[in-house]
Amino acid sequence: MTGTPPRPGEVSCKAPSTVTNSASAIGGGDTATHTATDPTTITGACPPTLAISKSHSGSFGRGQSGSYTLTVGNNGIDATDGTVVTVTDTLPAGLTATSLSGTGWTCTLATLTCTRSDVLPSGSSYPPITLKVEVSCKAPSTVTNSASAIGGGDTATHTATDPTTVTGACPPTLAISKSHSGSFGRGQSGSYTLTVGNDGTGATDGTVVTVTDTLPAGLTATSLSGTGWTCTLATLTCTRSDVLASGGSYPALTLAVNVACTASGQVTNSASATGGGDTATHTATDPTTVTGACPPTLAISKSHNGAFRQGKRGTYSITVTNSGTGPTDGTTVTLTETLPKGLTLVSLSGTGWACSRSTLTCTRSDVLPSGSSYPPITLKVEVSCKAPSTVTNTATVTGGGDTTTHTATDPTKIKRHQHDKHCDHHDHW
C-alpha cells in the first residue's frame, strides 16, 4: 500500500533520518546567488490506521442460525507496532452469539472480544473472525450488528456496522414420549401412553401431525385413542391438524395391547411423530418387561339326554375344559356337584378323576393344555317320585392355576310317573 504525498509542512513517512533544507536569494542589484542550508534530523515512524469490515450472506431466519465475518486490516502507511489489537462485537437485540473464533485470535465469547499482538504490515489484513449467532423468534425484520477495532499503535476506534434482514417464523420441533406402568404379563393386557409435544421455538403451522406406532412381536393392539386425535387401529396411526404452541403438548394417546403367551421377556415398542411444519421424524421407544406364563381359564359344561322320569334313573355328563391361553399349572382342579331336591346320587366317576360320593367332589392334578378337555365325568342319579316338573343341576370347578370358580347349570324336565309300581310302593323322597 502506498501512502498519500505529504502536505506542505508535513514530513513524509519515507523521509531519511537526516534531510537538508536549502534556500537561495538573489536580486536587488546583487547579481550573486546566496544560499543557506539547514540539516535536519528525522525521527519516529508513521502510525498504522486500522480498518474493520463486517459482512454476512443473505437474510437470517427466525429461530435459525447465522454468521458474520469480521476482518481487520491496516490502511496506514506503517505496520502496527506489536501492541494489542482488540476487536469488540456488539450484538443487537434478537441475536445471541454461539461461537466466536479466528485463526491467531484469542476470543472470549462472554464479552465478544478477540485480541492479538502480531505486527500487521501496511496494506495487509489479519485472518477473518467468524461470529455465529442464533436468531430469536422475536427478532425484528432488520437488525444491525456493529464491531470495533483499536490498538496496534492506532489510538482511534474504528467501527463497522452490518444491517441484516430477518425473515420467516420460528419452526416447531415435535417431540414424542412413550411410557407404561410396571411389567406386562403373558396372556394378559397392558397399555402404553404416547404424548406429542412441541419443543421448538415456534408453533406448529396447522398441517397434519401424524403419530405412528410400531408394535413388536408378541403384542397385539386392541384399541388406540386420544382426545382430539383421529386414530386407525389397523395401521396404528393417529392424526390431527390443530396448532400446537411452543412448549405445549397434545392430549395423550392410549394404546391398549394384548400380550401373547409366546412374547419374549422384553419387548420394545416404538412410535414416531412428524408434521405440523416440522419435516423431521421424531421417535420414542419403550422397552417393556414381560413376565409370567399365560393363565388357564377353566370352563365347565353339563348335559343330559331327554327328560328324566319320576322313579327312574338319569345320567348327566360333566366336562371340564381349559379355554385360557396357558395350561393349568399342576395344582389340584376340583369339581363340586350340587344336586337339586328330587335327585339322589347313584354314582359319580370319570377317567383320571378321584371322586367322593360323600362330598360330591372330583379332583385331579394333571396339566390340562390350553384348548383341551379332561375326560368327562358321569353322574348318575335316582329321580324321586315326588320330583318337580323341572330341576336344575349345578356343578362348579376351580383350581389348576385359575382362581375363579366357574359354574354350569343344567335345567332338566321331569316327567310324572304313570302308576309306576316303584313309585306306588317305594317313595324315595
Protein backbone atom coordinates (compact mmCIF):
# COMPACT_ATOMS: atom_id res chain seq x y z
CA MET A 1 0.00 0.00 0.00
CA THR A 2 1.43 3.48 -0.92
CA GLY A 3 0.72 6.42 1.28
CA THR A 4 -0.51 9.79 0.10
CA PRO A 5 2.14 12.53 -0.53
CA PRO A 6 2.84 14.68 2.49
CA ARG A 7 1.12 18.02 2.62
CA PRO A 8 3.24 21.19 2.75
CA GLY A 9 4.95 21.34 6.09
CA GLU A 10 4.45 17.59 6.72
CA VAL A 11 7.24 15.05 6.96
CA SER A 12 6.94 12.07 4.64
CA CYS A 13 6.75 8.59 6.27
CA LYS A 14 9.60 7.68 3.88
CA ALA A 15 11.89 10.59 4.79
CA PRO A 16 15.51 9.58 5.61
CA SER A 17 16.90 10.01 9.08
CA THR A 18 18.60 13.35 8.03
CA VAL A 19 17.41 15.86 5.49
CA THR A 20 18.98 19.20 4.45
CA ASN A 21 16.76 22.07 3.58
CA SER A 22 18.34 24.81 1.40
CA ALA A 23 17.28 28.28 0.34
CA SER A 24 18.73 30.94 -2.01
CA ALA A 25 18.39 34.68 -2.51
CA ILE A 26 19.29 36.92 -5.49
CA GLY A 27 18.44 40.38 -6.83
CA GLY A 28 18.13 43.91 -5.53
CA GLY A 29 21.19 44.93 -7.54
CA ASP A 30 23.11 41.90 -6.32
CA THR A 31 23.82 39.59 -9.19
CA ALA A 32 25.21 36.83 -6.97
CA THR A 33 23.09 33.94 -5.69
CA HIS A 34 23.39 33.45 -1.98
CA THR A 35 22.42 30.10 -0.37
CA ALA A 36 21.77 28.66 3.08
CA THR A 37 21.30 25.06 4.18
CA ASP A 38 19.71 23.55 7.29
CA PRO A 39 20.49 19.88 8.07
CA THR A 40 17.51 18.34 9.92
CA THR A 41 17.27 15.09 11.86
CA ILE A 42 14.13 12.99 11.14
CA THR A 43 12.90 10.59 13.86
CA GLY A 44 9.95 8.24 14.55
CA ALA A 45 7.71 6.17 12.26
CA CYS A 46 4.35 6.75 10.58
CA PRO A 47 1.36 5.36 12.58
CA PRO A 48 -0.83 2.48 11.32
CA THR A 49 -4.51 3.03 10.56
CA LEU A 50 -6.76 0.07 11.40
CA ALA A 51 -9.92 -0.62 9.44
CA ILE A 52 -12.69 -3.15 10.21
CA SER A 53 -15.30 -4.61 7.93
CA LYS A 54 -18.27 -6.85 8.74
CA SER A 55 -20.38 -8.96 6.38
CA HIS A 56 -22.89 -11.81 6.17
CA SER A 57 -24.64 -13.77 3.42
CA GLY A 58 -28.34 -13.50 2.65
CA SER A 59 -31.04 -12.95 5.24
CA PHE A 60 -31.34 -14.63 8.62
CA GLY A 61 -34.34 -16.77 9.54
CA ARG A 62 -36.12 -16.50 12.89
CA GLY A 63 -35.36 -19.48 15.08
CA GLN A 64 -32.36 -20.39 12.93
CA SER A 65 -28.65 -19.61 12.95
CA GLY A 66 -26.50 -17.18 11.01
CA SER A 67 -22.90 -15.98 10.89
CA TYR A 68 -20.92 -12.79 10.42
CA THR A 69 -17.38 -12.36 9.09
CA LEU A 70 -15.22 -9.63 10.71
CA THR A 71 -11.99 -8.55 9.00
CA VAL A 72 -9.36 -6.15 10.42
CA GLY A 73 -6.90 -4.51 8.02
CA ASN A 74 -4.18 -1.87 8.18
CA ASN A 75 -4.80 1.07 5.86
CA GLY A 76 -1.97 3.11 7.38
CA ILE A 77 1.48 3.83 5.95
CA ASP A 78 3.39 1.77 8.50
CA ALA A 79 2.85 -1.57 10.22
CA THR A 80 1.22 -1.97 13.60
CA ASP A 81 3.63 -1.72 16.48
CA GLY A 82 3.08 -5.10 18.16
CA THR A 83 0.80 -3.81 20.89
CA VAL A 84 -2.60 -5.49 21.40
CA VAL A 85 -5.26 -5.10 18.73
CA THR A 86 -8.75 -5.57 20.20
CA VAL A 87 -11.93 -6.33 18.25
CA THR A 88 -15.25 -5.98 20.08
CA ASP A 89 -18.60 -7.04 18.66
CA THR A 90 -21.91 -5.60 19.86
CA LEU A 91 -24.95 -7.75 19.01
CA PRO A 92 -28.39 -6.17 18.65
CA ALA A 93 -31.49 -7.45 20.45
CA GLY A 94 -32.76 -10.59 18.71
CA LEU A 95 -29.35 -12.17 18.14
CA THR A 96 -27.42 -14.39 20.56
CA ALA A 97 -23.80 -15.37 19.97
CA THR A 98 -22.97 -19.09 19.94
CA SER A 99 -19.30 -19.02 18.87
CA LEU A 100 -16.51 -16.53 18.09
CA SER A 101 -13.19 -17.59 16.59
CA GLY A 102 -10.48 -16.80 14.05
CA THR A 103 -7.01 -18.09 13.23
CA GLY A 104 -4.44 -16.44 15.50
CA TRP A 105 -7.07 -14.60 17.52
CA THR A 106 -7.76 -15.12 21.23
CA CYS A 107 -11.53 -14.78 21.60
CA THR A 108 -13.87 -14.62 24.60
CA LEU A 109 -17.48 -15.44 23.80
CA ALA A 110 -18.85 -13.94 27.01
CA THR A 111 -17.52 -10.46 26.16
CA LEU A 112 -17.50 -10.88 22.38
CA THR A 113 -13.89 -9.71 22.20
CA CYS A 114 -10.89 -11.02 20.24
CA THR A 115 -7.27 -9.92 20.66
CA ARG A 116 -3.84 -10.43 19.05
CA SER A 117 -0.46 -8.68 19.10
CA ASP A 118 1.37 -9.77 15.97
CA VAL A 119 2.55 -6.99 13.65
CA LEU A 120 0.24 -6.25 10.72
CA PRO A 121 2.05 -4.65 7.75
CA SER A 122 0.60 -1.72 5.91
CA GLY A 123 -1.96 -2.83 3.32
CA SER A 124 -2.49 -6.25 4.94
CA SER A 125 -5.33 -7.89 6.86
CA TYR A 126 -5.48 -10.33 9.73
CA PRO A 127 -7.26 -13.70 9.23
CA PRO A 128 -11.03 -13.13 9.48
CA ILE A 129 -13.08 -13.69 12.62
CA THR A 130 -16.27 -15.75 12.38
CA LEU A 131 -19.17 -14.90 14.70
CA LYS A 132 -22.06 -17.39 14.78
CA VAL A 133 -25.44 -16.33 16.14
CA GLU A 134 -28.89 -17.72 16.90
CA VAL A 135 -31.82 -15.62 15.71
CA SER A 136 -34.64 -15.11 18.22
CA CYS A 137 -38.23 -15.82 17.22
CA LYS A 138 -38.93 -12.23 18.31
CA ALA A 139 -36.16 -10.61 16.30
CA PRO A 140 -37.31 -7.54 14.28
CA SER A 141 -37.28 -7.57 10.49
CA THR A 142 -33.94 -5.69 10.42
CA VAL A 143 -31.10 -5.90 12.93
CA THR A 144 -27.76 -4.10 12.81
CA ASN A 145 -24.64 -5.73 14.14
CA SER A 146 -21.65 -3.50 14.93
CA ALA A 147 -17.98 -4.11 15.69
CA SER A 148 -14.98 -2.02 16.59
CA ALA A 149 -11.19 -2.35 16.34
CA ILE A 150 -8.48 -0.45 18.21
CA GLY A 151 -4.81 -0.85 19.12
CA GLY A 152 -1.60 -1.88 17.43
CA GLY A 153 -0.37 1.71 17.67
CA ASP A 154 -3.58 3.22 16.32
CA THR A 155 -5.28 5.15 19.10
CA ALA A 156 -8.50 5.72 17.19
CA THR A 157 -11.51 3.37 17.49
CA HIS A 158 -12.69 2.17 14.09
CA THR A 159 -16.19 0.76 13.67
CA ALA A 160 -18.23 -1.19 11.14
CA THR A 161 -21.94 -1.96 11.04
CA ASP A 162 -23.83 -4.64 9.12
CA PRO A 163 -27.61 -4.24 8.69
CA THR A 164 -29.24 -7.69 8.37
CA THR A 165 -32.68 -8.65 7.14
CA VAL A 166 -34.58 -11.18 9.32
CA THR A 167 -37.37 -13.24 7.76
CA GLY A 168 -39.72 -16.14 8.43
CA ALA A 169 -41.24 -17.57 11.57
CA CYS A 170 -39.72 -19.86 14.15
CA PRO A 171 -40.14 -23.56 13.27
CA PRO A 172 -41.74 -26.11 15.58
CA THR A 173 -39.84 -29.16 16.81
CA LEU A 174 -42.07 -32.10 17.65
CA ALA A 175 -41.13 -34.49 20.44
CA ILE A 176 -42.77 -37.80 21.32
CA SER A 177 -42.61 -39.78 24.55
CA LYS A 178 -43.92 -43.25 25.34
CA SER A 179 -44.45 -44.89 28.72
CA HIS A 180 -46.17 -47.73 30.56
CA SER A 181 -46.57 -48.86 34.14
CA GLY A 182 -44.92 -51.97 35.57
CA SER A 183 -44.36 -55.17 33.61
CA PHE A 184 -46.76 -56.90 31.26
CA GLY A 185 -48.00 -60.45 31.93
CA ARG A 186 -48.19 -63.10 29.23
CA GLY A 187 -51.76 -63.79 28.25
CA GLN A 188 -52.87 -60.53 29.81
CA SER A 189 -53.37 -56.96 28.64
CA GLY A 190 -51.30 -53.80 29.00
CA SER A 191 -51.33 -50.20 27.81
CA TYR A 192 -48.94 -47.51 26.62
CA THR A 193 -49.27 -43.73 26.88
CA LEU A 194 -47.98 -41.66 23.93
CA THR A 195 -47.53 -37.90 24.26
CA VAL A 196 -46.58 -35.46 21.49
CA GLY A 197 -45.15 -32.08 22.49
CA ASN A 198 -43.60 -29.08 20.74
CA ASP A 199 -40.06 -28.36 21.93
CA GLY A 200 -39.42 -25.87 19.16
CA THR A 201 -39.34 -22.09 19.22
CA GLY A 202 -42.46 -21.63 17.11
CA ALA A 203 -45.96 -23.09 16.93
CA THR A 204 -46.95 -25.84 14.50
CA ASP A 205 -48.32 -24.50 11.25
CA GLY A 206 -51.70 -26.24 11.12
CA THR A 207 -50.65 -29.00 8.74
CA VAL A 208 -51.25 -32.63 9.71
CA VAL A 209 -49.31 -34.13 12.61
CA THR A 210 -49.07 -37.92 12.29
CA VAL A 211 -48.20 -40.39 15.06
CA THR A 212 -47.37 -43.96 14.04
CA ASP A 213 -46.87 -46.81 16.50
CA THR A 214 -44.89 -49.95 15.67
CA LEU A 215 -45.63 -52.91 17.93
CA PRO A 216 -43.04 -55.64 18.46
CA ALA A 217 -43.76 -59.34 18.02
CA GLY A 218 -45.73 -60.63 20.99
CA LEU A 219 -48.03 -57.61 21.33
CA THR A 220 -51.35 -57.09 19.55
CA ALA A 221 -53.19 -53.76 19.62
CA THR A 222 -56.77 -53.78 20.83
CA SER A 223 -57.51 -50.05 20.92
CA LEU A 224 -55.88 -46.71 20.12
CA SER A 225 -57.46 -43.38 21.04
CA GLY A 226 -56.89 -39.87 22.40
CA THR A 227 -58.94 -36.69 22.76
CA GLY A 228 -58.87 -34.73 19.51
CA TRP A 229 -57.00 -37.44 17.61
CA THR A 230 -58.32 -39.40 14.62
CA CYS A 231 -56.93 -42.91 15.00
CA THR A 232 -56.91 -46.00 12.79
CA LEU A 233 -56.31 -49.23 14.70
CA ALA A 234 -55.43 -51.25 11.59
CA THR A 235 -52.44 -49.02 10.76
CA LEU A 236 -51.76 -47.82 14.33
CA THR A 237 -51.76 -44.18 13.17
CA CYS A 238 -53.33 -41.07 14.69
CA THR A 239 -53.58 -37.62 13.10
CA ARG A 240 -54.62 -34.07 13.97
CA SER A 241 -54.11 -30.60 12.49
CA ASP A 242 -54.76 -28.09 15.28
CA VAL A 243 -51.93 -25.67 16.06
CA LEU A 244 -49.66 -26.64 18.96
CA ALA A 245 -47.90 -23.74 20.68
CA SER A 246 -44.23 -23.84 21.58
CA GLY A 247 -43.80 -25.69 24.88
CA GLY A 248 -47.26 -27.27 24.69
CA SER A 249 -48.42 -30.87 24.34
CA TYR A 250 -51.39 -32.52 22.67
CA PRO A 251 -53.73 -34.72 24.78
CA ALA A 252 -52.16 -38.12 25.38
CA LEU A 253 -52.85 -41.19 23.27
CA THR A 254 -53.64 -44.53 24.92
CA LEU A 255 -52.66 -47.75 23.17
CA ALA A 256 -54.09 -50.95 24.69
CA VAL A 257 -52.43 -54.28 23.82
CA ASN A 258 -52.79 -58.00 24.43
CA VAL A 259 -49.62 -59.89 25.35
CA ALA A 260 -49.07 -63.22 23.60
CA CYS A 261 -48.15 -66.33 25.56
CA THR A 262 -45.06 -66.58 23.34
CA ALA A 263 -43.88 -62.99 23.97
CA SER A 264 -40.19 -62.72 24.90
CA GLY A 265 -39.01 -61.50 28.28
CA GLN A 266 -38.50 -57.97 26.96
CA VAL A 267 -40.21 -56.24 24.07
CA THR A 268 -39.65 -52.73 22.78
CA ASN A 269 -42.49 -50.63 21.47
CA SER A 270 -41.64 -47.66 19.24
CA ALA A 271 -43.58 -44.66 17.98
CA SER A 272 -42.86 -41.72 15.69
CA ALA A 273 -44.25 -38.22 15.15
CA THR A 274 -43.88 -35.89 12.19
CA GLY A 275 -45.64 -32.96 10.53
CA GLY A 276 -47.08 -29.65 11.68
CA GLY A 277 -44.29 -27.79 9.88
CA ASP A 278 -41.54 -30.00 11.32
CA THR A 279 -40.06 -32.06 8.48
CA ALA A 280 -38.04 -34.33 10.75
CA THR A 281 -39.35 -37.66 12.06
CA HIS A 282 -39.04 -37.93 15.85
CA THR A 283 -39.12 -41.31 17.56
CA ALA A 284 -39.53 -42.76 21.03
CA THR A 285 -39.02 -46.32 22.27
CA ASP A 286 -40.31 -48.00 25.41
CA PRO A 287 -38.61 -51.27 26.50
CA THR A 288 -41.13 -53.39 28.39
CA THR A 289 -40.53 -56.38 30.65
CA VAL A 290 -42.83 -59.35 30.08
CA THR A 291 -43.27 -61.85 32.91
CA GLY A 292 -45.25 -64.91 33.97
CA ALA A 293 -46.96 -67.60 32.00
CA CYS A 294 -50.29 -67.46 30.27
CA PRO A 295 -53.07 -68.27 32.77
CA PRO A 296 -55.56 -71.08 32.27
CA THR A 297 -59.29 -70.41 32.27
CA LEU A 298 -61.36 -73.39 33.28
CA ALA A 299 -64.82 -73.86 31.86
CA ILE A 300 -67.43 -76.42 32.83
CA SER A 301 -70.32 -77.79 30.81
CA LYS A 302 -73.11 -80.12 31.88
CA SER A 303 -75.59 -82.02 29.76
CA HIS A 304 -78.14 -84.85 29.72
CA ASN A 305 -80.32 -86.57 27.15
CA GLY A 306 -84.06 -86.11 27.10
CA ALA A 307 -86.37 -85.76 30.08
CA PHE A 308 -86.00 -87.69 33.30
CA ARG A 309 -88.91 -89.66 34.70
CA GLN A 310 -90.06 -89.89 38.30
CA GLY A 311 -88.96 -93.12 39.87
CA LYS A 312 -86.31 -93.75 37.21
CA ARG A 313 -82.59 -93.04 36.89
CA GLY A 314 -80.99 -90.29 34.87
CA THR A 315 -77.46 -89.51 33.72
CA TYR A 316 -75.51 -86.24 33.45
CA SER A 317 -72.22 -85.73 31.61
CA ILE A 318 -69.89 -83.06 33.04
CA THR A 319 -66.89 -81.80 31.09
CA VAL A 320 -64.08 -79.50 32.28
CA THR A 321 -62.23 -77.56 29.55
CA ASN A 322 -59.30 -75.11 29.56
CA SER A 323 -60.36 -72.16 27.42
CA GLY A 324 -57.49 -69.97 28.63
CA THR A 325 -54.28 -69.01 26.88
CA GLY A 326 -51.99 -71.16 29.03
CA PRO A 327 -52.03 -74.67 30.51
CA THR A 328 -53.09 -75.45 34.06
CA ASP A 329 -50.19 -75.34 36.50
CA GLY A 330 -50.40 -78.82 38.02
CA THR A 331 -52.25 -77.80 41.17
CA THR A 332 -55.49 -79.53 42.08
CA VAL A 333 -58.55 -79.00 39.94
CA THR A 334 -61.74 -79.53 41.98
CA LEU A 335 -65.19 -80.18 40.57
CA THR A 336 -68.10 -79.94 43.01
CA GLU A 337 -71.58 -81.24 42.27
CA THR A 338 -74.73 -79.82 43.87
CA LEU A 339 -77.83 -81.95 43.37
CA PRO A 340 -81.25 -80.30 43.48
CA LYS A 341 -84.12 -81.56 45.62
CA GLY A 342 -85.69 -84.52 43.87
CA LEU A 343 -82.41 -86.10 42.68
CA THR A 344 -80.32 -88.61 44.66
CA LEU A 345 -76.76 -89.64 43.81
CA VAL A 346 -76.25 -93.11 42.39
CA SER A 347 -72.66 -92.80 41.15
CA LEU A 348 -70.01 -90.21 40.27
CA SER A 349 -66.94 -91.18 38.22
CA GLY A 350 -64.64 -90.22 35.34
CA THR A 351 -61.37 -91.49 33.88
CA GLY A 352 -58.46 -89.96 35.77
CA TRP A 353 -60.72 -88.31 38.32
CA ALA A 354 -60.73 -89.07 42.07
CA CYS A 355 -64.38 -88.76 43.07
CA SER A 356 -66.01 -88.79 46.54
CA ARG A 357 -69.66 -89.79 46.94
CA SER A 358 -69.87 -88.20 50.38
CA THR A 359 -68.77 -84.75 49.26
CA LEU A 360 -69.90 -84.99 45.65
CA THR A 361 -66.45 -83.80 44.51
CA CYS A 362 -63.95 -84.98 41.91
CA THR A 363 -60.29 -83.90 41.79
CA ARG A 364 -57.20 -84.29 39.62
CA SER A 365 -53.83 -82.52 39.23
CA ASP A 366 -52.54 -83.40 35.77
CA VAL A 367 -51.77 -80.45 33.48
CA LEU A 368 -54.51 -79.53 31.01
CA PRO A 369 -53.24 -77.69 27.90
CA SER A 370 -54.99 -74.66 26.52
CA GLY A 371 -57.98 -75.64 24.37
CA SER A 372 -58.17 -79.18 25.78
CA SER A 373 -60.67 -81.00 28.00
CA TYR A 374 -60.37 -83.61 30.73
CA PRO A 375 -62.24 -86.90 30.26
CA PRO A 376 -65.93 -86.34 31.12
CA ILE A 377 -67.41 -87.17 34.48
CA THR A 378 -70.55 -89.27 34.53
CA LEU A 379 -73.13 -88.51 37.22
CA LYS A 380 -75.96 -90.98 37.68
CA VAL A 381 -78.97 -90.02 39.79
CA GLU A 382 -82.20 -91.51 41.08
CA VAL A 383 -85.25 -89.35 40.35
CA SER A 384 -87.68 -89.07 43.26
CA CYS A 385 -91.28 -89.98 42.66
CA LYS A 386 -92.11 -86.53 44.01
CA ALA A 387 -89.54 -84.61 41.95
CA PRO A 388 -90.95 -81.38 40.50
CA SER A 389 -91.51 -80.94 36.79
CA THR A 390 -88.18 -79.15 36.36
CA VAL A 391 -84.96 -79.42 38.39
CA THR A 392 -81.67 -77.65 37.88
CA ASN A 393 -78.42 -79.47 38.48
CA THR A 394 -75.37 -77.33 39.29
CA ALA A 395 -71.64 -78.03 39.19
CA THR A 396 -68.58 -75.83 39.80
CA VAL A 397 -64.89 -76.12 39.03
CA THR A 398 -61.83 -74.21 40.22
CA GLY A 399 -58.05 -74.66 40.57
CA GLY A 400 -55.19 -75.58 38.28
CA GLY A 401 -53.92 -72.01 38.50
CA ASP A 402 -57.34 -70.48 37.80
CA THR A 403 -58.55 -68.79 40.98
CA THR A 404 -62.04 -68.15 39.64
CA THR A 405 -64.90 -70.55 40.41
CA HIS A 406 -66.74 -71.45 37.20
CA THR A 407 -70.30 -72.73 37.29
CA ALA A 408 -72.53 -74.74 34.95
CA THR A 409 -76.24 -75.48 35.37
CA ASP A 410 -78.43 -77.97 33.56
CA PRO A 411 -82.23 -77.47 33.80
CA THR A 412 -83.89 -80.85 33.46
CA LYS A 413 -87.54 -81.67 32.78
CA ILE A 414 -89.08 -84.41 34.93
CA LYS A 415 -91.98 -86.50 33.63
CA ARG A 416 -94.59 -87.76 36.09
CA HIS A 417 -94.80 -91.49 36.71
CA GLN A 418 -97.83 -93.34 35.34
CA HIS A 419 -98.82 -95.84 38.02
CA ASP A 420 -95.23 -96.98 38.26
CA LYS A 421 -95.09 -99.84 40.73
CA HIS A 422 -91.84 -98.48 42.14
CA CYS A 423 -93.36 -95.07 42.82
CA ASP A 424 -96.63 -96.61 44.11
CA HIS A 425 -94.88 -98.58 46.83
CA HIS A 426 -91.37 -97.12 47.28
CA ASP A 427 -91.34 -93.38 47.56
CA HIS A 428 -87.71 -92.26 47.70
CA TRP A 429 -88.37 -88.61 48.58
